[in-house]
N, C-alpha and C. Protein backbone atom coordinates (compact mmCIF):
# COMPACT_ATOMS: atom_id res chain seq x y z
N MET A 1 69.54 91.23 86.31
CA MET A 1 70.81 91.92 86.25
C MET A 1 71.07 92.58 87.61
N GLY A 2 72.28 92.44 88.12
CA GLY A 2 72.61 93.02 89.40
C GLY A 2 72.23 92.16 90.57
N HIS A 3 71.79 90.91 90.32
CA HIS A 3 71.43 90.02 91.42
C HIS A 3 72.68 89.33 91.93
N PRO A 4 72.80 89.13 93.24
CA PRO A 4 73.98 88.47 93.80
C PRO A 4 74.06 87.01 93.37
N ILE A 5 75.29 86.50 93.33
CA ILE A 5 75.52 85.10 92.99
C ILE A 5 75.67 84.31 94.29
N GLY A 6 75.01 83.17 94.40
CA GLY A 6 75.12 82.33 95.58
C GLY A 6 74.08 82.68 96.63
N PRO A 7 74.01 81.86 97.66
CA PRO A 7 73.03 82.10 98.71
C PRO A 7 73.40 83.31 99.57
N PRO A 8 72.41 83.91 100.23
CA PRO A 8 72.69 85.07 101.08
C PRO A 8 73.61 84.69 102.24
N GLY A 9 74.40 85.64 102.68
CA GLY A 9 75.28 85.42 103.81
C GLY A 9 76.70 85.12 103.41
N GLU A 10 76.94 84.78 102.14
CA GLU A 10 78.29 84.52 101.68
C GLU A 10 78.89 85.81 101.13
N LEU A 11 80.20 85.76 100.91
CA LEU A 11 80.86 86.87 100.24
C LEU A 11 80.34 86.89 98.80
N ARG A 12 79.68 87.96 98.41
CA ARG A 12 79.02 88.01 97.11
C ARG A 12 79.74 88.98 96.18
N LEU A 13 79.98 88.54 94.97
CA LEU A 13 80.50 89.40 93.93
C LEU A 13 79.50 89.43 92.79
N SER A 14 79.37 90.55 92.18
CA SER A 14 78.46 90.64 91.05
C SER A 14 79.07 89.95 89.84
N THR A 15 78.25 89.72 88.84
CA THR A 15 78.73 89.11 87.60
C THR A 15 79.81 89.98 86.97
N PHE A 16 79.66 91.28 87.10
CA PHE A 16 80.68 92.19 86.57
C PHE A 16 82.04 91.94 87.23
N SER A 17 82.05 91.76 88.54
CA SER A 17 83.30 91.50 89.25
C SER A 17 83.89 90.15 88.85
N HIS A 18 83.02 89.16 88.65
CA HIS A 18 83.50 87.84 88.23
C HIS A 18 84.11 87.89 86.83
N THR A 19 83.72 88.84 86.04
CA THR A 19 84.31 89.01 84.71
C THR A 19 85.53 89.91 84.77
N LEU A 20 85.47 90.96 85.55
CA LEU A 20 86.55 91.94 85.58
C LEU A 20 87.84 91.38 86.18
N LEU A 21 87.73 90.59 87.24
CA LEU A 21 88.93 90.08 87.89
C LEU A 21 89.79 89.20 86.97
N PRO A 22 89.25 88.21 86.26
CA PRO A 22 90.09 87.43 85.34
C PRO A 22 90.62 88.24 84.17
N VAL A 23 89.85 89.22 83.70
CA VAL A 23 90.34 90.06 82.61
C VAL A 23 91.54 90.87 83.07
N LEU A 24 91.45 91.48 84.24
CA LEU A 24 92.58 92.24 84.76
C LEU A 24 93.78 91.35 85.06
N ALA A 25 93.52 90.17 85.62
CA ALA A 25 94.61 89.24 85.90
C ALA A 25 95.30 88.80 84.61
N GLY A 26 94.52 88.55 83.57
CA GLY A 26 95.11 88.17 82.29
C GLY A 26 95.91 89.30 81.67
N PHE A 27 95.40 90.51 81.79
CA PHE A 27 96.11 91.67 81.25
C PHE A 27 97.45 91.87 81.95
N LEU A 28 97.42 91.85 83.28
CA LEU A 28 98.67 92.04 84.04
C LEU A 28 99.63 90.88 83.84
N GLY A 29 99.10 89.66 83.81
CA GLY A 29 99.96 88.50 83.56
C GLY A 29 100.58 88.53 82.19
N GLY A 30 99.80 88.94 81.19
CA GLY A 30 100.34 89.06 79.84
C GLY A 30 101.43 90.09 79.74
N ASN A 31 101.27 91.20 80.44
CA ASN A 31 102.33 92.21 80.46
C ASN A 31 103.60 91.67 81.11
N ALA A 32 103.45 90.95 82.20
CA ALA A 32 104.62 90.41 82.90
C ALA A 32 105.33 89.37 82.03
N ILE A 33 104.56 88.49 81.37
CA ILE A 33 105.15 87.47 80.52
C ILE A 33 105.82 88.11 79.30
N GLY A 34 105.15 89.09 78.72
CA GLY A 34 105.74 89.78 77.56
C GLY A 34 107.02 90.50 77.92
N ASN A 35 107.04 91.15 79.07
CA ASN A 35 108.25 91.84 79.52
C ASN A 35 109.37 90.83 79.78
N GLY A 36 109.03 89.71 80.40
CA GLY A 36 110.04 88.68 80.65
C GLY A 36 110.61 88.11 79.36
N ALA A 37 109.76 87.93 78.36
CA ALA A 37 110.23 87.44 77.06
C ALA A 37 111.14 88.46 76.39
N ASP A 38 110.79 89.74 76.47
CA ASP A 38 111.64 90.79 75.88
C ASP A 38 113.01 90.82 76.54
N VAL A 39 113.03 90.70 77.85
CA VAL A 39 114.31 90.70 78.58
C VAL A 39 115.12 89.46 78.20
N ALA A 40 114.46 88.31 78.14
CA ALA A 40 115.17 87.07 77.81
C ALA A 40 115.74 87.11 76.40
N LEU A 41 115.06 87.76 75.47
CA LEU A 41 115.55 87.85 74.09
C LEU A 41 116.51 89.01 73.89
N GLY A 42 116.70 89.82 74.91
CA GLY A 42 117.64 90.93 74.82
C GLY A 42 117.09 92.15 74.12
N CYS A 43 115.79 92.25 73.96
CA CYS A 43 115.17 93.39 73.28
C CYS A 43 115.08 94.62 74.18
N THR A 44 115.13 94.42 75.48
CA THR A 44 115.03 95.53 76.42
C THR A 44 115.84 95.21 77.67
N ASP A 45 116.16 96.24 78.44
CA ASP A 45 116.91 96.05 79.67
C ASP A 45 115.98 95.75 80.81
N ASN A 46 116.50 95.10 81.83
CA ASN A 46 115.74 94.80 83.04
C ASN A 46 116.25 95.68 84.16
N GLU A 47 115.91 96.98 84.10
CA GLU A 47 116.36 97.94 85.09
C GLU A 47 115.17 98.48 85.87
N PRO A 48 115.10 98.23 87.16
CA PRO A 48 113.98 98.74 87.95
C PRO A 48 114.14 100.23 88.28
N GLY A 49 113.04 100.92 88.30
CA GLY A 49 113.03 102.30 88.77
C GLY A 49 113.53 103.31 87.77
N PRO A 50 113.39 104.59 88.12
CA PRO A 50 113.83 105.68 87.23
C PRO A 50 115.32 105.91 87.29
């Protein structure tokens, strides 16, 4: 646990980072797609900012 992935000298990410990045990308992408669907269906307005 905590051992680097790949040979030494390369850009190394831990297993935690390899898991966290796709999870965060999926979460943010899901929010963007859900918001786009709500706007397309007329359930919410598409107004930027306060």
